[in-house]
Amino acid sequence: MKRWRMTPSGEPEVTEGPGLGDMVRGAVGVAKAALGVQAAPVAEVQARWAFCQQCDQHDCGRCLTCGCFTGAKIRVAGESCPLGKWVAVTVDSQPPKPCCGRKSG
């Protein structure tokens, strides 16, 4: 999928962006992050964010390589950077957070 962005010098640049499958996987990651499913430890989230902020492929909250919303992707333990700057981590199995303040079970 073609996409364009502005370079630091202010010139438009056309690049090959992520495909539909990448965007669907990204949407699943956003849902997991919102529900707290497979949540990464806070220290891991902070370390991942530091890498993303310095990356030239991070633009307006999205990864230009995989198309994910980085704010969501960094919060899911099983996700990894497509450029290898951070890896997936294993966390103990956690039940999803209850919806609407109701207690589960």
PDB file of N, CA and C in Angstrom:
ATOM      1  N   MET A   1       0.850  -1.163   0.000  1.00  0.00           N
ATOM      2  CA  MET A   1       0.000   0.000   0.000  1.00  0.00           C
ATOM      3  C   MET A   1       0.905   1.237   0.000  1.00  0.00           C
ATOM      4  N   LYS A   2       0.644   2.152  -0.900  1.00  0.00           N
ATOM      5  CA  LYS A   2       1.433   3.377  -0.991  1.00  0.00           C
ATOM      6  C   LYS A   2       0.976   4.369   0.069  1.00  0.00           C
ATOM      7  N   ARG A   3       1.919   5.099   0.622  1.00  0.00           N
ATOM      8  CA  ARG A   3       1.595   6.146   1.579  1.00  0.00           C
ATOM      9  C   ARG A   3       2.615   7.253   1.425  1.00  0.00           C
ATOM     10  N   TRP A   4       2.279   8.420   1.884  1.00  0.00           N
ATOM     11  CA  TRP A   4       3.223   9.518   1.809  1.00  0.00           C
ATOM     12  C   TRP A   4       3.359  10.159   3.165  1.00  0.00           C
ATOM     13  N   ARG A   5       4.496  10.787   3.361  1.00  0.00           N
ATOM     14  CA  ARG A   5       4.746  11.535   4.588  1.00  0.00           C
ATOM     15  C   ARG A   5       5.688  12.672   4.252  1.00  0.00           C
ATOM     16  N   MET A   6       5.801  13.608   5.159  1.00  0.00           N
ATOM     17  CA  MET A   6       6.712  14.738   4.975  1.00  0.00           C
ATOM     18  C   MET A   6       8.060  14.384   5.596  1.00  0.00           C
ATOM     19  N   THR A   7       9.124  14.627   4.866  1.00  0.00           N
ATOM     20  CA  THR A   7      10.464  14.398   5.390  1.00  0.00           C
ATOM     21  C   THR A   7      10.813  15.537   6.345  1.00  0.00           C
ATOM     22  N   PRO A   8      11.874  15.370   7.159  1.00  0.00           N
ATOM     23  CA  PRO A   8      12.268  16.466   8.059  1.00  0.00           C
ATOM     24  C   PRO A   8      12.560  17.779   7.325  1.00  0.00           C
ATOM     25  N   SER A   9      12.958  17.685   6.035  1.00  0.00           N
ATOM     26  CA  SER A   9      13.235  18.908   5.271  1.00  0.00           C
ATOM     27  C   SER A   9      11.963  19.541   4.702  1.00  0.00           C
ATOM     28  N   GLY A  10      10.795  18.883   4.911  1.00  0.00           N
ATOM     29  CA  GLY A  10       9.535  19.440   4.457  1.00  0.00           C
ATOM     30  C   GLY A  10       9.100  18.965   3.081  1.00  0.00           C
ATOM     31  N   GLU A  11       9.845  18.040   2.489  1.00  0.00           N
ATOM     32  CA  GLU A  11       9.501  17.500   1.174  1.00  0.00           C
ATOM     33  C   GLU A  11       8.608  16.273   1.325  1.00  0.00           C
ATOM     34  N   PRO A  12       7.617  16.104   0.435  1.00  0.00           N
ATOM     35  CA  PRO A  12       6.798  14.887   0.499  1.00  0.00           C
ATOM     36  C   PRO A  12       7.601  13.684   0.021  1.00  0.00           C
ATOM     37  N   GLU A  13       7.313  12.523   0.630  1.00  0.00           N
ATOM     38  CA  GLU A  13       8.018  11.295   0.279  1.00  0.00           C
ATOM     39  C   GLU A  13       6.976  10.173   0.155  1.00  0.00           C
ATOM     40  N   VAL A  14       7.008   9.448  -0.950  1.00  0.00           N
ATOM     41  CA  VAL A  14       6.098   8.326  -1.153  1.00  0.00           C
ATOM     42  C   VAL A  14       6.852   7.054  -0.796  1.00  0.00           C
ATOM     43  N   THR A  15       6.245   6.235   0.053  1.00  0.00           N
ATOM     44  CA  THR A  15       6.876   4.988   0.476  1.00  0.00           C
ATOM     45  C   THR A  15       5.881   3.841   0.345  1.00  0.00           C
ATOM     46  N   GLU A  16       6.395   2.640   0.395  1.00  0.00           N
ATOM     47  CA  GLU A  16       5.546   1.452   0.424  1.00  0.00           C
ATOM     48  C   GLU A  16       5.220   1.182   1.879  1.00  0.00           C
ATOM     49  N   GLY A  17       3.966   1.256   2.248  1.00  0.00           N
ATOM     50  CA  GLY A  17       3.546   1.082   3.627  1.00  0.00           C
ATOM     51  C   GLY A  17       3.090  -0.338   3.904  1.00  0.00           C
ATOM     52  N   PRO A  18       2.619  -0.578   5.106  1.00  0.00           N
ATOM     53  CA  PRO A  18       2.142  -1.904   5.490  1.00  0.00           C
ATOM     54  C   PRO A  18       0.890  -2.281   4.716  1.00  0.00           C
ATOM     55  N   GLY A  19       0.686  -3.580   4.551  1.00  0.00           N
ATOM     56  CA  GLY A  19      -0.489  -4.078   3.849  1.00  0.00           C
ATOM     57  C   GLY A  19      -1.676  -4.258   4.775  1.00  0.00           C
ATOM     58  N   LEU A  20      -2.771  -4.736   4.218  1.00  0.00           N
ATOM     59  CA  LEU A  20      -3.997  -4.922   4.974  1.00  0.00           C
ATOM     60  C   LEU A  20      -3.816  -5.909   6.127  1.00  0.00           C
ATOM     61  N   GLY A  21      -3.094  -6.997   5.893  1.00  0.00           N
ATOM     62  CA  GLY A  21      -2.855  -7.978   6.954  1.00  0.00           C
ATOM     63  C   GLY A  21      -2.117  -7.366   8.133  1.00  0.00           C
ATOM     64  N   ASP A  22      -1.138  -6.503   7.839  1.00  0.00           N
ATOM     65  CA  ASP A  22      -0.402  -5.821   8.906  1.00  0.00           C
ATOM     66  C   ASP A  22      -1.334  -4.925   9.718  1.00  0.00           C
ATOM     67  N   MET A  23      -2.251  -4.259   9.029  1.00  0.00           N
ATOM     68  CA  MET A  23      -3.167  -3.359   9.719  1.00  0.00           C
ATOM     69  C   MET A  23      -4.163  -4.134  10.583  1.00  0.00           C
ATOM     70  N   VAL A  24      -4.598  -5.299  10.115  1.00  0.00           N
ATOM     71  CA  VAL A  24      -5.507  -6.125  10.917  1.00  0.00           C
ATOM     72  C   VAL A  24      -4.798  -6.606  12.179  1.00  0.00           C
ATOM     73  N   ARG A  25      -3.548  -7.078  12.034  1.00  0.00           N
ATOM     74  CA  ARG A  25      -2.783  -7.498  13.216  1.00  0.00           C
ATOM     75  C   ARG A  25      -2.602  -6.329  14.176  1.00  0.00           C
ATOM     76  N   GLY A  26      -2.410  -5.128  13.634  1.00  0.00           N
ATOM     77  CA  GLY A  26      -2.288  -3.945  14.476  1.00  0.00           C
ATOM     78  C   GLY A  26      -3.567  -3.657  15.247  1.00  0.00           C
ATOM     79  N   ALA A  27      -4.712  -3.850  14.594  1.00  0.00           N
ATOM     80  CA  ALA A  27      -5.996  -3.629  15.255  1.00  0.00           C
ATOM     81  C   ALA A  27      -6.195  -4.614  16.401  1.00  0.00           C
ATOM     82  N   VAL A  28      -5.757  -5.850  16.214  1.00  0.00           N
ATOM     83  CA  VAL A  28      -5.838  -6.849  17.286  1.00  0.00           C
ATOM     84  C   VAL A  28      -4.971  -6.407  18.461  1.00  0.00           C
ATOM     85  N   GLY A  29      -3.783  -5.874  18.166  1.00  0.00           N
ATOM     86  CA  GLY A  29      -2.899  -5.374  19.219  1.00  0.00           C
ATOM     87  C   GLY A  29      -3.517  -4.222  19.991  1.00  0.00           C
ATOM     88  N   VAL A  30      -4.203  -3.324  19.282  1.00  0.00           N
ATOM     89  CA  VAL A  30      -4.885  -2.199  19.938  1.00  0.00           C
ATOM     90  C   VAL A  30      -5.960  -2.734  20.881  1.00  0.00           C
ATOM     91  N   ALA A  31      -6.708  -3.730  20.432  1.00  0.00           N
ATOM     92  CA  ALA A  31      -7.761  -4.310  21.278  1.00  0.00           C
ATOM     93  C   ALA A  31      -7.159  -4.964  22.520  1.00  0.00           C
ATOM     94  N   LYS A  32      -6.074  -5.717  22.349  1.00  0.00           N
ATOM     95  CA  LYS A  32      -5.419  -6.351  23.495  1.00  0.00           C
ATOM     96  C   LYS A  32      -4.947  -5.303  24.493  1.00  0.00           C
ATOM     97  N   ALA A  33      -4.350  -4.235  23.989  1.00  0.00           N
ATOM     98  CA  ALA A  33      -3.847  -3.177  24.878  1.00  0.00           C
ATOM     99  C   ALA A  33      -4.995  -2.522  25.637  1.00  0.00           C
ATOM    100  N   ALA A  34      -6.094  -2.271  24.938  1.00  0.00           N
ATOM    101  CA  ALA A  34      -7.241  -1.616  25.581  1.00  0.00           C
ATOM    102  C   ALA A  34      -7.851  -2.494  26.669  1.00  0.00           C
ATOM    103  N   LEU A  35      -7.838  -3.811  26.454  1.00  0.00           N
ATOM    104  CA  LEU A  35      -8.420  -4.734  27.427  1.00  0.00           C
ATOM    105  C   LEU A  35      -7.434  -5.174  28.504  1.00  0.00           C
ATOM    106  N   GLY A  36      -6.174  -4.841  28.323  1.00  0.00           N
ATOM    107  CA  GLY A  36      -5.160  -5.254  29.296  1.00  0.00           C
ATOM    108  C   GLY A  36      -4.774  -6.716  29.152  1.00  0.00           C
ATOM    109  N   VAL A  37      -5.075  -7.315  28.009  1.00  0.00           N
ATOM    110  CA  VAL A  37      -4.740  -8.718  27.751  1.00  0.00           C
ATOM    111  C   VAL A  37      -3.254  -8.804  27.386  1.00  0.00           C
ATOM    112  N   GLN A  38      -2.557  -9.748  27.984  1.00  0.00           N
ATOM    113  CA  GLN A  38      -1.123  -9.943  27.741  1.00  0.00           C
ATOM    114  C   GLN A  38      -0.332  -8.645  27.965  1.00  0.00           C
ATOM    115  N   ALA A  39      -0.651  -7.953  29.040  1.00  0.00           N
ATOM    116  CA  ALA A  39      -0.018  -6.665  29.318  1.00  0.00           C
ATOM    117  C   ALA A  39       1.460  -6.831  29.660  1.00  0.00           C
ATOM    118  N   ALA A  40       2.285  -6.007  29.044  1.00  0.00           N
ATOM    119  CA  ALA A  40       3.716  -5.994  29.335  1.00  0.00           C
ATOM    120  C   ALA A  40       3.952  -5.246  30.651  1.00  0.00           C
ATOM    121  N   PRO A  41       5.007  -5.601  31.386  1.00  0.00           N
ATOM    122  CA  PRO A  41       5.336  -4.867  32.610  1.00  0.00           C
ATOM    123  C   PRO A  41       5.612  -3.387  32.301  1.00  0.00           C
ATOM    124  N   VAL A  42       5.301  -2.536  33.250  1.00  0.00           N
ATOM    125  CA  VAL A  42       5.449  -1.082  33.061  1.00  0.00           C
ATOM    126  C   VAL A  42       6.867  -0.713  32.643  1.00  0.00           C
ATOM    127  N   ALA A  43       7.874  -1.300  33.262  1.00  0.00           N
ATOM    128  CA  ALA A  43       9.267  -0.987  32.911  1.00  0.00           C
ATOM    129  C   ALA A  43       9.559  -1.355  31.456  1.00  0.00           C
ATOM    130  N   GLU A  44       8.984  -2.453  30.989  1.00  0.00           N
ATOM    131  CA  GLU A  44       9.160  -2.873  29.592  1.00  0.00           C
ATOM    132  C   GLU A  44       8.488  -1.888  28.642  1.00  0.00           C
ATOM    133  N   VAL A  45       7.291  -1.454  28.995  1.00  0.00           N
ATOM    134  CA  VAL A  45       6.568  -0.477  28.174  1.00  0.00           C
ATOM    135  C   VAL A  45       7.382   0.811  28.059  1.00  0.00           C
ATOM    136  N   GLN A  46       7.932   1.278  29.159  1.00  0.00           N
ATOM    137  CA  GLN A  46       8.727   2.512  29.147  1.00  0.00           C
ATOM    138  C   GLN A  46       9.986   2.358  28.295  1.00  0.00           C
ATOM    139  N   ALA A  47      10.646   1.212  28.389  1.00  0.00           N
ATOM    140  CA  ALA A  47      11.855   0.977  27.591  1.00  0.00           C
ATOM    141  C   ALA A  47      11.514   0.924  26.103  1.00  0.00           C
ATOM    142  N   ARG A  48      10.421   0.244  25.767  1.00  0.00           N
ATOM    143  CA  ARG A  48      10.000   0.170  24.362  1.00  0.00           C
ATOM    144  C   ARG A  48       9.678   1.554  23.818  1.00  0.00           C
ATOM    145  N   TRP A  49       8.969   2.352  24.611  1.00  0.00           N
ATOM    146  CA  TRP A  49       8.594   3.698  24.180  1.00  0.00           C
ATOM    147  C   TRP A  49       9.837   4.547  23.899  1.00  0.00           C
ATOM    148  N   ALA A  50      10.849   4.396  24.729  1.00  0.00           N
ATOM    149  CA  ALA A  50      12.088   5.150  24.521  1.00  0.00           C
ATOM    150  C   ALA A  50      12.711   4.808  23.163  1.00  0.00           C
ATOM    151  N   PHE A  51      12.704   3.528  22.801  1.00  0.00           N
ATOM    152  CA  PHE A  51      13.230   3.127  21.491  1.00  0.00           C
ATOM    153  C   PHE A  51      12.387   3.730  20.367  1.00  0.00           C
ATOM    154  N   CYS A  52      11.066   3.628  20.479  1.00  0.00           N
ATOM    155  CA  CYS A  52      10.178   4.119  19.424  1.00  0.00           C
ATOM    156  C   CYS A  52      10.325   5.625  19.209  1.00  0.00           C
ATOM    157  N   GLN A  53      10.435   6.369  20.290  1.00  0.00           N
ATOM    158  CA  GLN A  53      10.550   7.823  20.170  1.00  0.00           C
ATOM    159  C   GLN A  53      11.807   8.242  19.398  1.00  0.00           C
ATOM    160  N   GLN A  54      12.866   7.442  19.477  1.00  0.00           N
ATOM    161  CA  GLN A  54      14.117   7.773  18.810  1.00  0.00           C
ATOM    162  C   GLN A  54      14.202   7.205  17.384  1.00  0.00           C
ATOM    163  N   CYS A  55      13.250   6.381  17.009  1.00  0.00           N
ATOM    164  CA  CYS A  55      13.301   5.664  15.734  1.00  0.00           C
ATOM    165  C   CYS A  55      12.827   6.539  14.570  1.00  0.00           C
ATOM    166  N   ASP A  56      13.542   6.474  13.452  1.00  0.00           N
ATOM    167  CA  ASP A  56      13.152   7.253  12.277  1.00  0.00           C
ATOM    168  C   ASP A  56      11.914   6.669  11.578  1.00  0.00           C
ATOM    169  N   GLN A  57      11.491   5.475  11.974  1.00  0.00           N
ATOM    170  CA  GLN A  57      10.288   4.859  11.412  1.00  0.00           C
ATOM    171  C   GLN A  57       9.042   5.146  12.258  1.00  0.00           C
ATOM    172  N   HIS A  58       9.195   5.925  13.325  1.00  0.00           N
ATOM    173  CA  HIS A  58       8.070   6.291  14.190  1.00  0.00           C
ATOM    174  C   HIS A  58       7.590   7.671  13.766  1.00  0.00           C
ATOM    175  N   ASP A  59       6.317   7.758  13.368  1.00  0.00           N
ATOM    176  CA  ASP A  59       5.791   9.015  12.860  1.00  0.00           C
ATOM    177  C   ASP A  59       4.339   9.182  13.304  1.00  0.00           C
ATOM    178  N   CYS A  60       4.052  10.232  14.027  1.00  0.00           N
ATOM    179  CA  CYS A  60       2.682  10.549  14.452  1.00  0.00           C
ATOM    180  C   CYS A  60       2.013   9.385  15.174  1.00  0.00           C
ATOM    181  N   GLY A  61       2.776   8.685  16.039  1.00  0.00           N
ATOM    182  CA  GLY A  61       2.203   7.608  16.836  1.00  0.00           C
ATOM    183  C   GLY A  61       2.075   6.277  16.129  1.00  0.00           C
ATOM    184  N   ARG A  62       2.624   6.165  14.926  1.00  0.00           N
ATOM    185  CA  ARG A  62       2.545   4.904  14.175  1.00  0.00           C
ATOM    186  C   ARG A  62       3.932   4.480  13.713  1.00  0.00           C
ATOM    187  N   CYS A  63       4.076   3.184  13.570  1.00  0.00           N
ATOM    188  CA  CYS A  63       5.312   2.620  13.015  1.00  0.00           C
ATOM    189  C   CYS A  63       5.154   2.569  11.503  1.00  0.00           C
ATOM    190  N   LEU A  64       6.072   3.177  10.781  1.00  0.00           N
ATOM    191  CA  LEU A  64       5.987   3.190   9.327  1.00  0.00           C
ATOM    192  C   LEU A  64       6.384   1.852   8.715  1.00  0.00           C
ATOM    193  N   THR A  65       7.033   0.997   9.488  1.00  0.00           N
ATOM    194  CA  THR A  65       7.436  -0.311   8.984  1.00  0.00           C
ATOM    195  C   THR A  65       6.285  -1.299   9.023  1.00  0.00           C
ATOM    196  N   CYS A  66       5.600  -1.407  10.168  1.00  0.00           N
ATOM    197  CA  CYS A  66       4.522  -2.394  10.313  1.00  0.00           C
ATOM    198  C   CYS A  66       3.130  -1.769  10.323  1.00  0.00           C
ATOM    199  N   GLY A  67       3.026  -0.463  10.508  1.00  0.00           N
ATOM    200  CA  GLY A  67       1.739   0.213  10.504  1.00  0.00           C
ATOM    201  C   GLY A  67       1.022   0.245  11.838  1.00  0.00           C
ATOM    202  N   CYS A  68       1.614  -0.348  12.866  1.00  0.00           N
ATOM    203  CA  CYS A  68       0.960  -0.408  14.180  1.00  0.00           C
ATOM    204  C   CYS A  68       0.935   0.951  14.868  1.00  0.00           C
ATOM    205  N   PHE A  69      -0.059   1.107  15.728  1.00  0.00           N
ATOM    206  CA  PHE A  69      -0.082   2.258  16.625  1.00  0.00           C
ATOM    207  C   PHE A  69       0.881   1.906  17.757  1.00  0.00           C
ATOM    208  N   THR A  70       1.988   2.617  17.840  1.00  0.00           N
ATOM    209  CA  THR A  70       3.032   2.237  18.786  1.00  0.00           C
ATOM    210  C   THR A  70       2.580   2.330  20.233  1.00  0.00           C
ATOM    211  N   GLY A  71       1.721   3.277  20.560  1.00  0.00           N
ATOM    212  CA  GLY A  71       1.247   3.402  21.932  1.00  0.00           C
ATOM    213  C   GLY A  71       0.517   2.164  22.417  1.00  0.00           C
ATOM    214  N   ALA A  72      -0.117   1.443  21.501  1.00  0.00           N
ATOM    215  CA  ALA A  72      -0.795   0.195  21.854  1.00  0.00           C
ATOM    216  C   ALA A  72       0.169  -0.982  21.771  1.00  0.00           C
ATOM    217  N   LYS A  73       0.955  -1.031  20.710  1.00  0.00           N
ATOM    218  CA  LYS A  73       1.841  -2.176  20.484  1.00  0.00           C
ATOM    219  C   LYS A  73       2.831  -2.369  21.629  1.00  0.00           C
ATOM    220  N   ILE A  74       3.373  -1.284  22.154  1.00  0.00           N
ATOM    221  CA  ILE A  74       4.376  -1.404  23.220  1.00  0.00           C
ATOM    222  C   ILE A  74       3.794  -1.951  24.510  1.00  0.00           C
ATOM    223  N   ARG A  75       2.467  -1.921  24.667  1.00  0.00           N
ATOM    224  CA  ARG A  75       1.818  -2.380  25.896  1.00  0.00           C
ATOM    225  C   ARG A  75       1.495  -3.877  25.898  1.00  0.00           C
ATOM    226  N   VAL A  76       1.634  -4.544  24.755  1.00  0.00           N
ATOM    227  CA  VAL A  76       1.306  -5.966  24.648  1.00  0.00           C
ATOM    228  C   VAL A  76       2.601  -6.777  24.727  1.00  0.00           C
ATOM    229  N   ALA A  77       2.685  -7.642  25.726  1.00  0.00           N
ATOM    230  CA  ALA A  77       3.917  -8.398  25.995  1.00  0.00           C
ATOM    231  C   ALA A  77       4.395  -9.199  24.794  1.00  0.00           C
ATOM    232  N   GLY A  78       3.490  -9.816  24.055  1.00  0.00           N
ATOM    233  CA  GLY A  78       3.865 -10.695  22.958  1.00  0.00           C
ATOM    234  C   GLY A  78       4.252  -9.997  21.675  1.00  0.00           C
ATOM    235  N   GLU A  79       4.187  -8.686  21.638  1.00  0.00           N
ATOM    236  CA  GLU A  79       4.560  -7.938  20.435  1.00  0.00           C
ATOM    237  C   GLU A  79       6.064  -7.679  20.408  1.00  0.00           C
ATOM    238  N   SER A  80       6.594  -7.460  19.208  1.00  0.00           N
ATOM    239  CA  SER A  80       8.011  -7.130  19.065  1.00  0.00           C
ATOM    240  C   SER A  80       8.175  -6.087  17.968  1.00  0.00           C
ATOM    241  N   CYS A  81       9.291  -5.396  17.986  1.00  0.00           N
ATOM    242  CA  CYS A  81       9.601  -4.381  16.987  1.00  0.00           C
ATOM    243  C   CYS A  81       9.973  -5.084  15.679  1.00  0.00           C
ATOM    244  N   PRO A  82       9.409  -4.641  14.550  1.00  0.00           N
ATOM    245  CA  PRO A  82       9.747  -5.276  13.282  1.00  0.00           C
ATOM    246  C   PRO A  82      11.203  -5.032  12.866  1.00  0.00           C
ATOM    247  N   LEU A  83      11.847  -4.069  13.491  1.00  0.00           N
ATOM    248  CA  LEU A  83      13.249  -3.778  13.198  1.00  0.00           C
ATOM    249  C   LEU A  83      14.193  -4.408  14.219  1.00  0.00           C
ATOM    250  N   GLY A  84      13.630  -5.148  15.177  1.00  0.00           N
ATOM    251  CA  GLY A  84      14.447  -5.839  16.172  1.00  0.00           C
ATOM    252  C   GLY A  84      14.981  -4.958  17.292  1.00  0.00           C
ATOM    253  N   LYS A  85      14.418  -3.776  17.475  1.00  0.00           N
ATOM    254  CA  LYS A  85      14.909  -2.874  18.526  1.00  0.00           C
ATOM    255  C   LYS A  85      14.426  -3.276  19.914  1.00  0.00           C
ATOM    256  N   TRP A  86      13.312  -4.016  19.988  1.00  0.00           N
ATOM    257  CA  TRP A  86      12.840  -4.606  21.240  1.00  0.00           C
ATOM    258  C   TRP A  86      12.084  -5.884  20.903  1.00  0.00           C
ATOM    259  N   VAL A  87      12.078  -6.794  21.858  1.00  0.00           N
ATOM    260  CA  VAL A  87      11.530  -8.135  21.600  1.00  0.00           C
ATOM    261  C   VAL A  87      10.309  -8.417  22.468  1.00  0.00           C
ATOM    262  N   ALA A  88       9.593  -9.465  22.092  1.00  0.00           N
ATOM    263  CA  ALA A  88       8.447  -9.919  22.881  1.00  0.00           C
ATOM    264  C   ALA A  88       8.942 -10.462  24.216  1.00  0.00           C
ATOM    265  N   VAL A  89       8.129 -10.313  25.233  1.00  0.00           N
ATOM    266  CA  VAL A  89       8.454 -10.852  26.549  1.00  0.00           C
ATOM    267  C   VAL A  89       7.334 -11.787  26.989  1.00  0.00           C
ATOM    268  N   THR A  90       7.672 -12.706  27.869  1.00  0.00           N
ATOM    269  CA  THR A  90       6.690 -13.635  28.416  1.00  0.00           C
ATOM    270  C   THR A  90       6.253 -13.129  29.778  1.00  0.00           C
ATOM    271  N   VAL A  91       4.959 -13.112  29.992  1.00  0.00           N
ATOM    272  CA  VAL A  91       4.420 -12.711  31.296  1.00  0.00           C
ATOM    273  C   VAL A  91       3.535 -13.830  31.805  1.00  0.00           C
ATOM    274  N   ASP A  92       3.338 -13.854  33.109  1.00  0.00           N
ATOM    275  CA  ASP A  92       2.418 -14.832  33.687  1.00  0.00           C
ATOM    276  C   ASP A  92       1.028 -14.591  33.123  1.00  0.00           C
ATOM    277  N   SER A  93       0.289 -15.637  32.972  1.00  0.00           N
ATOM    278  CA  SER A  93      -1.061 -15.554  32.440  1.00  0.00           C
ATOM    279  C   SER A  93      -1.913 -14.654  33.333  1.00  0.00           C
ATOM    280  N   GLN A  94      -2.559 -13.680  32.731  1.00  0.00           N
ATOM    281  CA  GLN A  94      -3.393 -12.744  33.474  1.00  0.00           C
ATOM    282  C   GLN A  94      -4.798 -12.744  32.880  1.00  0.00           C
ATOM    283  N   PRO A  95      -5.833 -12.807  33.705  1.00  0.00           N
ATOM    284  CA  PRO A  95      -7.190 -12.709  33.156  1.00  0.00           C
ATOM    285  C   PRO A  95      -7.446 -11.283  32.675  1.00  0.00           C
ATOM    286  N   PRO A  96      -8.302 -11.115  31.677  1.00  0.00           N
ATOM    287  CA  PRO A  96      -8.626  -9.760  31.225  1.00  0.00           C
ATOM    288  C   PRO A  96      -9.280  -8.959  32.351  1.00  0.00           C
ATOM    289  N   LYS A  97      -9.120  -7.659  32.293  1.00  0.00           N
ATOM    290  CA  LYS A  97      -9.749  -6.785  33.277  1.00  0.00           C
ATOM    291  C   LYS A  97     -11.268  -6.833  33.091  1.00  0.00           C
ATOM    292  N   PRO A  98     -12.039  -6.826  34.187  1.00  0.00           N
ATOM    293  CA  PRO A  98     -13.492  -6.857  34.044  1.00  0.00           C
ATOM    294  C   PRO A  98     -14.000  -5.609  33.342  1.00  0.00           C
ATOM    295  N   CYS A  99     -15.027  -5.780  32.586  1.00  0.00           N
ATOM    296  CA  CYS A  99     -15.629  -4.683  31.834  1.00  0.00           C
ATOM    297  C   CYS A  99     -16.648  -3.951  32.710  1.00  0.00           C
ATOM    298  N   CYS A 100     -16.741  -2.670  32.540  1.00  0.00           N
ATOM    299  CA  CYS A 100     -17.778  -1.843  33.168  1.00  0.00           C
ATOM    300  C   CYS A 100     -17.801  -1.938  34.694  1.00  0.00           C
ATOM    301  N   GLY A 101     -16.688  -2.245  35.312  1.00  0.00           N
ATOM    302  CA  GLY A 101     -16.614  -2.291  36.765  1.00  0.00           C
ATOM    303  C   GLY A 101     -17.189  -3.538  37.393  1.00  0.00           C
ATOM    304  N   ARG A 102     -17.647  -4.489  36.581  1.00  0.00           N
ATOM    305  CA  ARG A 102     -18.201  -5.724  37.123  1.00  0.00           C
ATOM    306  C   ARG A 102     -17.080  -6.682  37.495  1.00  0.00           C
ATOM    307  N   LYS A 103     -17.305  -7.460  38.512  1.00  0.00           N
ATOM    308  CA  LYS A 103     -16.330  -8.467  38.903  1.00  0.00           C
ATOM    309  C   LYS A 103     -16.565  -9.716  38.075  1.00  0.00           C
ATOM    310  N   SER A 104     -15.448 -10.315  37.624  1.00  0.00           N
ATOM    311  CA  SER A 104     -15.599 -11.539  36.837  1.00  0.00           C
ATOM    312  C   SER A 104     -15.753 -12.721  37.770  1.00  0.00           C
ATOM    313  N   GLY A 105     -16.372 -13.783  37.255  1.00  0.00           N
ATOM    314  CA  GLY A 105     -16.474 -15.020  38.016  1.00  0.00           C
ATOM    315  C   GLY A 105     -17.750 -15.208  38.607  1.00  0.00           C
TER     316      GLY A 105
END
